[in-house]
Every structure is written in C-alpha cells, then in structure tokens.
Amino acid sequence: METTGVEERGRPSGAGQHDSDGLREHVHAMWAAVAPGWAEHASYVDARGASVTQKMLELSAPRPGEHVLELACGPGSVGLAAAARVGPGGEVVLSDVVPEMTSIAGARAQGLGLANVRTCVLDLERIDQPDSSYDVVLCREGLMFASDPGRAAREIHRVLRPGGRAALAVWGPRQHNPWLAIVFDAVSAQLGAPVPPPGVPGPFSLDDPQELVRLLSDAELAHVVVTELPTPLRARSFEEWWTRTSSLAGPLASVLASLPDDAARSLRARLREAVSAYESPTGLEFPGVTLLASGCRASRDD
C-alpha cells in the first residue's frame, strides 16, 4: 500500500521534560545492555534486513561524493551498504545513542577496509551535528524507540541539506508481525502486566502508516511516502528463533534476564505453544511487514 497526504497535527510541548529525560536514559541503558547480542548476531541482522536495506538505498539514492548519516545504526548494516555508493569521495557516519553499538559498527567497517566510514555517538532526538550537514539520513528500526519521535523527525529534517533525502523503516502493524508480537503477548501474560509498560516506546509504536506520514510531514519533510514491504522471518528451530529474538529484543532483555527459573520455563512453554501455528517442515515461518518511509528536505526549486 502507499500513503500520501497529511493533516496538521500539533507538536508536543515542553511539559514533562524531566520525565522525558528519565525515559530517554532508560531506553539508552536498555540498548547498551543488549549490545553484546547484536555483536554476536550482526551477520544475521544484515541478512534479516537485507531487503529493507536495499529498498532504503533505492529510496534515498546516495550518490558518489555525498555525506550519509545512519541513525540508531546498531551493527551498521545500512550505512555499511551505503559506503560503496558514495565512494571514496563521500562519507558515511554510523551513529547510535550508545558507544557500545558504535564500537560494533566501527569494528565491522574497519574489518571491511572502508576508509570512508566513521562512527559517532548521537541521540536521534538530539543530533549533535550542524544544520544542513548531510545529503542522506537513514534509520532502520530505530525511530519507533524514540521517546519523542516528532522531535527526532524534526532533527532529521534539520541536519539534511536542501534537497537531501531520508529513508526510514519501522515495524508494521503488530498483527502482521507475529514473530515478535507473540513474544510480547507471552511475556505480558507471564508477568500479568503489559510489556513494554505504558509510556515506554516499543517496536510497534509507529505501526500506523497514516500516522507515520503525519509525523514526518509535521517535521516539514516534503514528498513523504510510506509503503509496506513484506519481511517474513524464518528459523530452523524454536531454539534458533528464541535465542536470536531474546538476544536482540532490547525492550525485553532486562525483563527476561530477571525472570526466576520457574517463570522462565513457563514462558518458554507459552512460546512453544504460540509458535506452533507457524511450524513448517523446515522449521518456523512467520509473516512480517515493515513500513518504509521516504521524504526530503525541500530545495529552493520545490
């Protein structure tokens, strides 16, 4: 599907700044804690998101000599792929809110011999870079975890040069991504409380295409388009799926680590029952949907 056109929506006020800062610190700590898992499964993250990465690069079209910023880079999958497109005369900055993640991405860039890639610790809600610094901004599966996604979108617009392009990816509707939804459902049932708790951004916080269009357009990005991309997930076994999911799912990591042994066994039993509907002769096959958003900073010709 494709969605265009928006209505005006008010921007968040400065009220509750203290609470917002506390939430932001909580989210940052959450991602620092799961960085080892992202390092271990970096190649899998690349392969899992390959179709999304390819589409993001098609939408943003990095060109030789241009400057590219990847936000919430994790192991740097998208930015590393963009490096070949900008060539030795361009530059890719791999950024994340925690240094544990940028260290992973930087080590991978060094291992690939990419001299046109550097790393920087940046908060996508407070991008510490000058105005009009980049030709392209990329963010795969990061914007939905922002405590103030509207602010993040405005920051993306600010650091883009006139005519600069942005390509973003977030998870689509919860019901179309059972590979992750059933985990949150099972953990919530086990704890008797919703996970993530109210007010904490989760992986499906931006799963409405119309709302995503409004969010980006309110940030003054032009020509905003949101499309759906099927992103199925396959695993050879329950163990493979659960090991990867529990290692990479930032919002769940601390909860899972704190479960007593009996509760952990009960959770696994819930999950085994839940995934049985997706069993196939070769393992597990889940449907999945990603929302891809693109837009640009208006140039003088627009």
C-alpha atoms as a PDB file:
ATOM      1  CA  MET A   1       0.000   0.000   0.000  1.00  0.00           C
ATOM      2  CA  GLU A   2       1.016   3.628  -0.432  1.00  0.00           C
ATOM      3  CA  THR A   3       0.023   6.588   1.690  1.00  0.00           C
ATOM      4  CA  THR A   4       0.427  10.260   0.850  1.00  0.00           C
ATOM      5  CA  GLY A   5      -1.085  13.494   2.078  1.00  0.00           C
ATOM      6  CA  VAL A   6      -1.394  14.734   5.669  1.00  0.00           C
ATOM      7  CA  GLU A   7      -3.359  16.881   8.047  1.00  0.00           C
ATOM      8  CA  GLU A   8      -1.763  19.306  10.508  1.00  0.00           C
ATOM      9  CA  ARG A   9      -1.021  17.894  13.937  1.00  0.00           C
ATOM     10  CA  GLY A  10       0.193  19.802  16.982  1.00  0.00           C
ATOM     11  CA  ARG A  11       3.771  19.356  18.157  1.00  0.00           C
ATOM     12  CA  PRO A  12       4.488  18.138  21.656  1.00  0.00           C
ATOM     13  CA  SER A  13       5.019  20.833  24.244  1.00  0.00           C
ATOM     14  CA  GLY A  14       7.941  21.075  26.649  1.00  0.00           C
ATOM     15  CA  ALA A  15       5.822  19.818  29.549  1.00  0.00           C
ATOM     16  CA  GLY A  16       7.132  16.780  31.367  1.00  0.00           C
ATOM     17  CA  GLN A  17      10.714  17.320  30.216  1.00  0.00           C
ATOM     18  CA  HIS A  18      12.102  15.696  33.358  1.00  0.00           C
ATOM     19  CA  ASP A  19      10.026  12.555  32.821  1.00  0.00           C
ATOM     20  CA  SER A  20      11.022  12.516  29.157  1.00  0.00           C
ATOM     21  CA  ASP A  21      14.713  12.696  30.034  1.00  0.00           C
ATOM     22  CA  GLY A  22      14.316   9.839  32.504  1.00  0.00           C
ATOM     23  CA  LEU A  23      12.593   7.708  29.885  1.00  0.00           C
ATOM     24  CA  ARG A  24      15.309   8.530  27.367  1.00  0.00           C
ATOM     25  CA  GLU A  25      18.016   7.424  29.805  1.00  0.00           C
ATOM     26  CA  HIS A  26      16.122   4.183  30.430  1.00  0.00           C
ATOM     27  CA  VAL A  27      15.930   3.451  26.700  1.00  0.00           C
ATOM     28  CA  HIS A  28      19.630   4.217  26.246  1.00  0.00           C
ATOM     29  CA  ALA A  29      20.594   1.829  29.048  1.00  0.00           C
ATOM     30  CA  MET A  30      18.359  -0.823  27.527  1.00  0.00           C
ATOM     31  CA  TRP A  31      20.250  -0.762  24.219  1.00  0.00           C
ATOM     32  CA  ALA A  32      23.660  -0.681  25.871  1.00  0.00           C
ATOM     33  CA  ALA A  33      22.716  -3.871  27.727  1.00  0.00           C
ATOM     34  CA  VAL A  34      21.864  -5.812  24.566  1.00  0.00           C
ATOM     35  CA  ALA A  35      24.870  -4.666  22.507  1.00  0.00           C
ATOM     36  CA  PRO A  36      26.764  -7.967  23.018  1.00  0.00           C
ATOM     37  CA  GLY A  37      23.873  -9.852  21.430  1.00  0.00           C
ATOM     38  CA  TRP A  38      23.873  -7.504  18.446  1.00  0.00           C
ATOM     39  CA  ALA A  39      27.609  -8.053  18.033  1.00  0.00           C
ATOM     40  CA  GLU A  40      27.158 -11.825  18.120  1.00  0.00           C
ATOM     41  CA  HIS A  41      24.306 -11.809  15.608  1.00  0.00           C
ATOM     42  CA  ALA A  42      25.475  -8.949  13.348  1.00  0.00           C
ATOM     43  CA  SER A  43      25.645 -11.097  10.223  1.00  0.00           C
ATOM     44  CA  TYR A  44      22.156 -12.385  10.879  1.00  0.00           C
ATOM     45  CA  VAL A  45      20.911  -8.798  11.351  1.00  0.00           C
ATOM     46  CA  ASP A  46      22.406  -7.932   7.951  1.00  0.00           C
ATOM     47  CA  ALA A  47      20.735 -10.879   6.242  1.00  0.00           C
ATOM     48  CA  ARG A  48      17.406 -10.456   8.033  1.00  0.00           C
ATOM     49  CA  GLY A  49      17.157  -6.822   6.945  1.00  0.00           C
ATOM     50  CA  ALA A  50      18.757  -7.108   3.505  1.00  0.00           C
ATOM     51  CA  SER A  51      15.571  -6.419   1.545  1.00  0.00           C
ATOM     52  CA  VAL A  52      14.773  -3.411   3.746  1.00  0.00           C
ATOM     53  CA  THR A  53      18.300  -2.055   3.360  1.00  0.00           C
ATOM     54  CA  GLN A  54      18.158  -2.407  -0.409  1.00  0.00           C
ATOM     55  CA  LYS A  55      14.836  -0.589  -0.598  1.00  0.00           C
ATOM     56  CA  MET A  56      16.035   2.201   1.707  1.00  0.00           C
ATOM     57  CA  LEU A  57      19.044   2.793  -0.522  1.00  0.00           C
ATOM     58  CA  GLU A  58      16.826   2.835  -3.600  1.00  0.00           C
ATOM     59  CA  LEU A  59      14.562   5.417  -1.979  1.00  0.00           C
ATOM     60  CA  SER A  60      17.364   7.675  -0.730  1.00  0.00           C
ATOM     61  CA  ALA A  61      19.710   7.128  -3.693  1.00  0.00           C
ATOM     62  CA  PRO A  62      23.100   8.003  -2.156  1.00  0.00           C
ATOM     63  CA  ARG A  63      25.440   9.274  -4.877  1.00  0.00           C
ATOM     64  CA  PRO A  64      29.232   9.424  -5.213  1.00  0.00           C
ATOM     65  CA  GLY A  65      30.725  12.148  -3.061  1.00  0.00           C
ATOM     66  CA  GLU A  66      27.701  12.562  -0.794  1.00  0.00           C
ATOM     67  CA  HIS A  67      27.580  12.536   3.000  1.00  0.00           C
ATOM     68  CA  VAL A  68      25.322   9.946   4.632  1.00  0.00           C
ATOM     69  CA  LEU A  69      24.217   9.617   8.268  1.00  0.00           C
ATOM     70  CA  GLU A  70      22.833   6.384   9.677  1.00  0.00           C
ATOM     71  CA  LEU A  71      20.952   6.859  12.956  1.00  0.00           C
ATOM     72  CA  ALA A  72      20.384   4.070  15.516  1.00  0.00           C
ATOM     73  CA  CYS A  73      22.840   2.059  13.437  1.00  0.00           C
ATOM     74  CA  GLY A  74      23.268  -0.984  15.681  1.00  0.00           C
ATOM     75  CA  PRO A  75      25.845  -3.085  13.806  1.00  0.00           C
ATOM     76  CA  GLY A  76      25.768  -0.597  10.908  1.00  0.00           C
ATOM     77  CA  SER A  77      24.015  -2.711   8.295  1.00  0.00           C
ATOM     78  CA  VAL A  78      22.516   0.118   6.240  1.00  0.00           C
ATOM     79  CA  GLY A  79      25.410   2.553   6.459  1.00  0.00           C
ATOM     80  CA  LEU A  80      27.958  -0.088   5.515  1.00  0.00           C
ATOM     81  CA  ALA A  81      25.898  -0.901   2.438  1.00  0.00           C
ATOM     82  CA  ALA A  82      25.720   2.812   1.572  1.00  0.00           C
ATOM     83  CA  ALA A  83      29.505   3.233   1.714  1.00  0.00           C
ATOM     84  CA  ALA A  84      30.044   1.679  -1.720  1.00  0.00           C
ATOM     85  CA  ARG A  85      27.527   4.077  -3.246  1.00  0.00           C
ATOM     86  CA  VAL A  86      29.155   7.279  -2.024  1.00  0.00           C
ATOM     87  CA  GLY A  87      32.644   6.048  -2.920  1.00  0.00           C
ATOM     88  CA  PRO A  88      35.985   7.344  -1.635  1.00  0.00           C
ATOM     89  CA  GLY A  89      34.922  10.945  -2.200  1.00  0.00           C
ATOM     90  CA  GLY A  90      31.919  10.598   0.086  1.00  0.00           C
ATOM     91  CA  GLU A  91      31.468   9.750   3.738  1.00  0.00           C
ATOM     92  CA  VAL A  92      29.162   7.595   5.848  1.00  0.00           C
ATOM     93  CA  VAL A  93      28.703   8.304   9.556  1.00  0.00           C
ATOM     94  CA  LEU A  94      27.466   5.336  11.575  1.00  0.00           C
ATOM     95  CA  SER A  95      25.797   6.660  14.719  1.00  0.00           C
ATOM     96  CA  ASP A  96      23.966   5.244  17.681  1.00  0.00           C
ATOM     97  CA  VAL A  97      22.917   6.551  21.060  1.00  0.00           C
ATOM     98  CA  VAL A  98      25.267   4.191  22.929  1.00  0.00           C
ATOM     99  CA  PRO A  99      29.004   3.770  22.308  1.00  0.00           C
ATOM    100  CA  GLU A 100      28.666   0.004  22.720  1.00  0.00           C
ATOM    101  CA  MET A 101      26.788  -0.102  19.410  1.00  0.00           C
ATOM    102  CA  THR A 102      29.041   2.309  17.511  1.00  0.00           C
ATOM    103  CA  SER A 103      32.036   0.223  18.574  1.00  0.00           C
ATOM    104  CA  ILE A 104      30.462  -2.811  16.912  1.00  0.00           C
ATOM    105  CA  ALA A 105      29.704  -0.878  13.722  1.00  0.00           C
ATOM    106  CA  GLY A 106      33.149   0.723  13.642  1.00  0.00           C
ATOM    107  CA  ALA A 107      34.924  -2.607  14.041  1.00  0.00           C
ATOM    108  CA  ARG A 108      32.890  -4.041  11.165  1.00  0.00           C
ATOM    109  CA  ALA A 109      33.713  -1.069   8.933  1.00  0.00           C
ATOM    110  CA  GLN A 110      37.405  -1.454   9.757  1.00  0.00           C
ATOM    111  CA  GLY A 111      37.241  -5.166   9.022  1.00  0.00           C
ATOM    112  CA  LEU A 112      35.797  -4.376   5.600  1.00  0.00           C
ATOM    113  CA  GLY A 113      38.535  -1.827   4.915  1.00  0.00           C
ATOM    114  CA  LEU A 114      36.056   1.034   4.475  1.00  0.00           C
ATOM    115  CA  ALA A 115      38.097   4.223   4.729  1.00  0.00           C
ATOM    116  CA  ASN A 116      35.069   6.428   4.009  1.00  0.00           C
ATOM    117  CA  VAL A 117      33.183   5.352   7.149  1.00  0.00           C
ATOM    118  CA  ARG A 118      33.445   6.796  10.646  1.00  0.00           C
ATOM    119  CA  THR A 119      31.387   6.468  13.813  1.00  0.00           C
ATOM    120  CA  CYS A 120      29.781   8.961  16.160  1.00  0.00           C
ATOM    121  CA  VAL A 121      27.657   8.633  19.312  1.00  0.00           C
ATOM    122  CA  LEU A 122      24.449  10.551  18.546  1.00  0.00           C
ATOM    123  CA  ASP A 123      20.954  10.647  20.009  1.00  0.00           C
ATOM    124  CA  LEU A 124      18.462  10.711  17.143  1.00  0.00           C
ATOM    125  CA  GLU A 125      16.295  13.076  19.218  1.00  0.00           C
ATOM    126  CA  ARG A 126      19.235  15.462  19.752  1.00  0.00           C
ATOM    127  CA  ILE A 127      21.506  15.045  16.761  1.00  0.00           C
ATOM    128  CA  ASP A 128      24.671  16.887  17.725  1.00  0.00           C
ATOM    129  CA  GLN A 129      25.582  17.886  14.174  1.00  0.00           C
ATOM    130  CA  PRO A 130      25.363  21.225  12.339  1.00  0.00           C
ATOM    131  CA  ASP A 131      22.343  22.208  10.301  1.00  0.00           C
ATOM    132  CA  SER A 132      22.340  21.011   6.688  1.00  0.00           C
ATOM    133  CA  SER A 133      25.201  18.551   7.207  1.00  0.00           C
ATOM    134  CA  TYR A 134      24.036  15.520   5.219  1.00  0.00           C
ATOM    135  CA  ASP A 135      22.726  14.604   1.807  1.00  0.00           C
ATOM    136  CA  VAL A 136      21.087  11.419   3.104  1.00  0.00           C
ATOM    137  CA  VAL A 137      19.796  10.279   6.502  1.00  0.00           C
ATOM    138  CA  LEU A 138      18.970   6.602   7.086  1.00  0.00           C
ATOM    139  CA  CYS A 139      17.340   4.937  10.093  1.00  0.00           C
ATOM    140  CA  ARG A 140      16.266   1.308  10.090  1.00  0.00           C
ATOM    141  CA  GLU A 141      14.115   0.144  13.004  1.00  0.00           C
ATOM    142  CA  GLY A 142      15.162   2.928  15.341  1.00  0.00           C
ATOM    143  CA  LEU A 143      12.644   5.754  15.138  1.00  0.00           C
ATOM    144  CA  MET A 144       9.898   3.733  16.844  1.00  0.00           C
ATOM    145  CA  PHE A 145      12.001   3.573  20.032  1.00  0.00           C
ATOM    146  CA  ALA A 146      12.347   7.357  20.301  1.00  0.00           C
ATOM    147  CA  SER A 147      10.611   8.774  23.368  1.00  0.00           C
ATOM    148  CA  ASP A 148       9.691  11.810  21.230  1.00  0.00           C
ATOM    149  CA  PRO A 149       9.588  10.660  17.592  1.00  0.00           C
ATOM    150  CA  GLY A 150       8.296  14.039  16.440  1.00  0.00           C
ATOM    151  CA  ARG A 151      11.406  15.706  17.789  1.00  0.00           C
ATOM    152  CA  ALA A 152      13.560  13.060  16.142  1.00  0.00           C
ATOM    153  CA  ALA A 153      11.855  13.685  12.801  1.00  0.00           C
ATOM    154  CA  ARG A 154      12.474  17.428  13.117  1.00  0.00           C
ATOM    155  CA  GLU A 155      16.129  16.736  13.867  1.00  0.00           C
ATOM    156  CA  ILE A 156      16.386  14.601  10.742  1.00  0.00           C
ATOM    157  CA  HIS A 157      14.940  17.469   8.701  1.00  0.00           C
ATOM    158  CA  ARG A 158      17.348  19.938  10.328  1.00  0.00           C
ATOM    159  CA  VAL A 159      20.543  18.033   9.507  1.00  0.00           C
ATOM    160  CA  LEU A 160      19.524  17.365   5.901  1.00  0.00           C
ATOM    161  CA  ARG A 161      20.763  19.732   3.244  1.00  0.00           C
ATOM    162  CA  PRO A 162      18.153  21.334   0.953  1.00  0.00           C
ATOM    163  CA  GLY A 163      17.200  18.565  -1.448  1.00  0.00           C
ATOM    164  CA  GLY A 164      18.575  15.941   0.949  1.00  0.00           C
ATOM    165  CA  ARG A 165      16.734  12.629   1.262  1.00  0.00           C
ATOM    166  CA  ALA A 166      15.670  10.489   4.202  1.00  0.00           C
ATOM    167  CA  ALA A 167      14.693   6.818   4.239  1.00  0.00           C
ATOM    168  CA  LEU A 168      13.314   5.258   7.412  1.00  0.00           C
ATOM    169  CA  ALA A 169      11.998   1.824   8.340  1.00  0.00           C
ATOM    170  CA  VAL A 170       9.803   0.798  11.275  1.00  0.00           C
ATOM    171  CA  TRP A 171       7.849  -2.339  12.044  1.00  0.00           C
ATOM    172  CA  GLY A 172       4.362  -2.514  10.570  1.00  0.00           C
ATOM    173  CA  PRO A 173       1.152  -3.455  12.404  1.00  0.00           C
ATOM    174  CA  ARG A 174       1.549  -5.765  15.358  1.00  0.00           C
ATOM    175  CA  GLN A 175      -0.911  -8.316  13.972  1.00  0.00           C
ATOM    176  CA  HIS A 176       1.198  -8.662  10.831  1.00  0.00           C
ATOM    177  CA  ASN A 177       4.426  -9.347  12.772  1.00  0.00           C
ATOM    178  CA  PRO A 178       3.618 -12.378  14.940  1.00  0.00           C
ATOM    179  CA  TRP A 179       7.294 -13.372  15.194  1.00  0.00           C
ATOM    180  CA  LEU A 180       7.654 -10.550  17.734  1.00  0.00           C
ATOM    181  CA  ALA A 181       4.073  -9.862  18.826  1.00  0.00           C
ATOM    182  CA  ILE A 182       3.692 -13.310  20.343  1.00  0.00           C
ATOM    183  CA  VAL A 183       6.769 -12.680  22.477  1.00  0.00           C
ATOM    184  CA  PHE A 184       5.313  -9.501  23.966  1.00  0.00           C
ATOM    185  CA  ASP A 185       1.979 -11.257  24.459  1.00  0.00           C
ATOM    186  CA  ALA A 186       3.580 -14.207  26.221  1.00  0.00           C
ATOM    187  CA  VAL A 187       5.789 -12.065  28.470  1.00  0.00           C
ATOM    188  CA  SER A 188       2.840  -9.815  29.343  1.00  0.00           C
ATOM    189  CA  ALA A 189       0.749 -12.866  30.240  1.00  0.00           C
ATOM    190  CA  GLN A 190       3.577 -14.319  32.319  1.00  0.00           C
ATOM    191  CA  LEU A 191       4.064 -11.088  34.282  1.00  0.00           C
ATOM    192  CA  GLY A 192       0.408 -10.105  34.449  1.00  0.00           C
ATOM    193  CA  ALA A 193       1.303  -6.623  33.163  1.00  0.00           C
ATOM    194  CA  PRO A 194       1.780  -5.083  29.719  1.00  0.00           C
ATOM    195  CA  VAL A 195       5.258  -5.169  28.176  1.00  0.00           C
ATOM    196  CA  PRO A 196       6.547  -2.645  27.364  1.00  0.00           C
ATOM    197  CA  PRO A 197       4.792  -0.700  30.140  1.00  0.00           C
ATOM    198  CA  PRO A 198       2.598   2.285  29.243  1.00  0.00           C
ATOM    199  CA  GLY A 199       4.618   5.292  28.136  1.00  0.00           C
ATOM    200  CA  VAL A 200       7.686   3.305  27.069  1.00  0.00           C
ATOM    201  CA  PRO A 201       8.138   3.233  23.278  1.00  0.00           C
ATOM    202  CA  GLY A 202       8.054  -0.242  21.804  1.00  0.00           C
ATOM    203  CA  PRO A 203       8.624  -1.835  18.403  1.00  0.00           C
ATOM    204  CA  PHE A 204       5.043  -1.185  17.242  1.00  0.00           C
ATOM    205  CA  SER A 205       4.741   2.421  18.405  1.00  0.00           C
ATOM    206  CA  LEU A 206       4.784   3.748  14.809  1.00  0.00           C
ATOM    207  CA  ASP A 207       2.922   0.935  13.064  1.00  0.00           C
ATOM    208  CA  ASP A 208       0.159   3.106  11.538  1.00  0.00           C
ATOM    209  CA  PRO A 209       1.076   4.269   8.001  1.00  0.00           C
ATOM    210  CA  GLN A 210      -1.146   7.350   8.148  1.00  0.00           C
ATOM    211  CA  GLU A 211       0.306   8.432  11.487  1.00  0.00           C
ATOM    212  CA  LEU A 212       3.825   7.929  10.175  1.00  0.00           C
ATOM    213  CA  VAL A 213       3.067  10.179   7.200  1.00  0.00           C
ATOM    214  CA  ARG A 214       1.710  12.834   9.553  1.00  0.00           C
ATOM    215  CA  LEU A 215       4.704  12.583  11.861  1.00  0.00           C
ATOM    216  CA  LEU A 216       7.239  13.134   9.084  1.00  0.00           C
ATOM    217  CA  SER A 217       5.229  15.796   7.308  1.00  0.00           C
ATOM    218  CA  ASP A 218       4.741  17.719  10.548  1.00  0.00           C
ATOM    219  CA  ALA A 219       8.545  17.778  10.735  1.00  0.00           C
ATOM    220  CA  GLU A 220       8.485  19.631   7.380  1.00  0.00           C
ATOM    221  CA  LEU A 221       9.826  16.759   5.336  1.00  0.00           C
ATOM    222  CA  ALA A 222       8.463  17.031   1.791  1.00  0.00           C
ATOM    223  CA  HIS A 223       7.120  14.388  -0.600  1.00  0.00           C
ATOM    224  CA  VAL A 224       6.577  11.895   2.221  1.00  0.00           C
ATOM    225  CA  VAL A 225       5.529   8.428   1.088  1.00  0.00           C
ATOM    226  CA  VAL A 226       5.009   5.325   3.243  1.00  0.00           C
ATOM    227  CA  THR A 227       4.824   1.847   1.740  1.00  0.00           C
ATOM    228  CA  GLU A 228       4.598  -1.674   3.120  1.00  0.00           C
ATOM    229  CA  LEU A 229       7.286  -4.278   2.469  1.00  0.00           C
ATOM    230  CA  PRO A 230       6.767  -7.961   3.339  1.00  0.00           C
ATOM    231  CA  THR A 231       9.573  -9.110   5.639  1.00  0.00           C
ATOM    232  CA  PRO A 232       8.967 -12.740   6.620  1.00  0.00           C
ATOM    233  CA  LEU A 233      11.163 -14.404   9.216  1.00  0.00           C
ATOM    234  CA  ARG A 234      12.355 -17.984   9.047  1.00  0.00           C
ATOM    235  CA  ALA A 235      14.205 -20.062  11.626  1.00  0.00           C
ATOM    236  CA  ARG A 236      15.325 -23.666  11.537  1.00  0.00           C
ATOM    237  CA  SER A 237      14.024 -24.375  15.037  1.00  0.00           C
ATOM    238  CA  PHE A 238      12.334 -22.891  18.073  1.00  0.00           C
ATOM    239  CA  GLU A 239      15.695 -22.680  19.813  1.00  0.00           C
ATOM    240  CA  GLU A 240      17.285 -20.720  16.968  1.00  0.00           C
ATOM    241  CA  TRP A 241      14.380 -18.273  16.831  1.00  0.00           C
ATOM    242  CA  TRP A 242      14.209 -17.751  20.578  1.00  0.00           C
ATOM    243  CA  THR A 243      17.971 -17.369  21.038  1.00  0.00           C
ATOM    244  CA  ARG A 244      18.136 -14.617  18.425  1.00  0.00           C
ATOM    245  CA  THR A 245      14.924 -12.906  19.445  1.00  0.00           C
ATOM    246  CA  SER A 246      15.773 -12.787  23.138  1.00  0.00           C
ATOM    247  CA  SER A 247      19.298 -11.553  22.380  1.00  0.00           C
ATOM    248  CA  LEU A 248      18.199  -8.717  20.090  1.00  0.00           C
ATOM    249  CA  ALA A 249      14.930  -7.541  21.645  1.00  0.00           C
ATOM    250  CA  GLY A 250      16.070  -4.512  23.605  1.00  0.00           C
ATOM    251  CA  PRO A 251      12.758  -3.777  25.379  1.00  0.00           C
ATOM    252  CA  LEU A 252      12.622  -7.343  26.688  1.00  0.00           C
ATOM    253  CA  ALA A 253      16.219  -8.098  27.600  1.00  0.00           C
ATOM    254  CA  SER A 254      16.183  -6.877  31.205  1.00  0.00           C
ATOM    255  CA  VAL A 255      12.756  -8.430  31.825  1.00  0.00           C
ATOM    256  CA  LEU A 256      13.853 -11.823  30.531  1.00  0.00           C
ATOM    257  CA  ALA A 257      17.106 -11.720  32.480  1.00  0.00           C
ATOM    258  CA  SER A 258      15.232 -11.059  35.731  1.00  0.00           C
ATOM    259  CA  LEU A 259      12.798 -13.984  35.444  1.00  0.00           C
ATOM    260  CA  PRO A 260      13.180 -16.745  38.065  1.00  0.00           C
ATOM    261  CA  ASP A 261      13.870 -20.201  36.667  1.00  0.00           C
ATOM    262  CA  ASP A 262      10.280 -21.405  37.090  1.00  0.00           C
ATOM    263  CA  ALA A 263       8.893 -18.327  35.332  1.00  0.00           C
ATOM    264  CA  ALA A 264      11.433 -18.679  32.520  1.00  0.00           C
ATOM    265  CA  ARG A 265      10.400 -22.303  31.947  1.00  0.00           C
ATOM    266  CA  SER A 266       6.739 -21.320  31.980  1.00  0.00           C
ATOM    267  CA  LEU A 267       7.413 -18.576  29.445  1.00  0.00           C
ATOM    268  CA  ARG A 268       9.179 -20.979  27.103  1.00  0.00           C
ATOM    269  CA  ALA A 269       6.190 -23.332  27.300  1.00  0.00           C
ATOM    270  CA  ARG A 270       3.850 -20.448  26.407  1.00  0.00           C
ATOM    271  CA  LEU A 271       6.037 -19.518  23.465  1.00  0.00           C
ATOM    272  CA  ARG A 272       6.332 -23.072  22.153  1.00  0.00           C
ATOM    273  CA  GLU A 273       2.575 -23.307  22.090  1.00  0.00           C
ATOM    274  CA  ALA A 274       2.212 -19.894  20.449  1.00  0.00           C
ATOM    275  CA  VAL A 275       4.687 -20.601  17.631  1.00  0.00           C
ATOM    276  CA  SER A 276       3.206 -23.994  16.801  1.00  0.00           C
ATOM    277  CA  ALA A 277       0.893 -22.296  14.289  1.00  0.00           C
ATOM    278  CA  TYR A 278       3.972 -21.250  12.288  1.00  0.00           C
ATOM    279  CA  GLU A 279       5.746 -24.608  12.165  1.00  0.00           C
ATOM    280  CA  SER A 280       6.756 -25.944   8.765  1.00  0.00           C
ATOM    281  CA  PRO A 281       8.761 -28.952   7.551  1.00  0.00           C
ATOM    282  CA  THR A 282      11.897 -26.768   7.602  1.00  0.00           C
ATOM    283  CA  GLY A 283      11.351 -25.020  10.940  1.00  0.00           C
ATOM    284  CA  LEU A 284       9.386 -21.871  11.715  1.00  0.00           C
ATOM    285  CA  GLU A 285       7.977 -19.492   9.098  1.00  0.00           C
ATOM    286  CA  PHE A 286       6.494 -16.204  10.282  1.00  0.00           C
ATOM    287  CA  PRO A 287       4.940 -13.472   8.179  1.00  0.00           C
ATOM    288  CA  GLY A 288       6.206  -9.935   8.743  1.00  0.00           C
ATOM    289  CA  VAL A 289       5.663  -6.409   7.464  1.00  0.00           C
ATOM    290  CA  THR A 290       7.927  -3.353   7.520  1.00  0.00           C
ATOM    291  CA  LEU A 291       6.814   0.216   6.879  1.00  0.00           C
ATOM    292  CA  LEU A 292       9.220   2.105   4.631  1.00  0.00           C
ATOM    293  CA  ALA A 293       9.073   5.896   4.709  1.00  0.00           C
ATOM    294  CA  SER A 294      10.847   8.344   2.454  1.00  0.00           C
ATOM    295  CA  GLY A 295      10.909  12.119   2.216  1.00  0.00           C
ATOM    296  CA  CYS A 296      13.226  15.010   1.589  1.00  0.00           C
ATOM    297  CA  ARG A 297      14.098  18.485   2.761  1.00  0.00           C
ATOM    298  CA  ALA A 298      12.584  20.904   0.274  1.00  0.00           C
ATOM    299  CA  SER A 299      15.026  22.630  -2.035  1.00  0.00           C
ATOM    300  CA  ARG A 300      14.676  26.106  -3.473  1.00  0.00           C
ATOM    301  CA  ASP A 301      13.163  24.569  -6.601  1.00  0.00           C
ATOM    302  CA  ASP A 302      10.313  22.835  -4.702  1.00  0.00           C
END
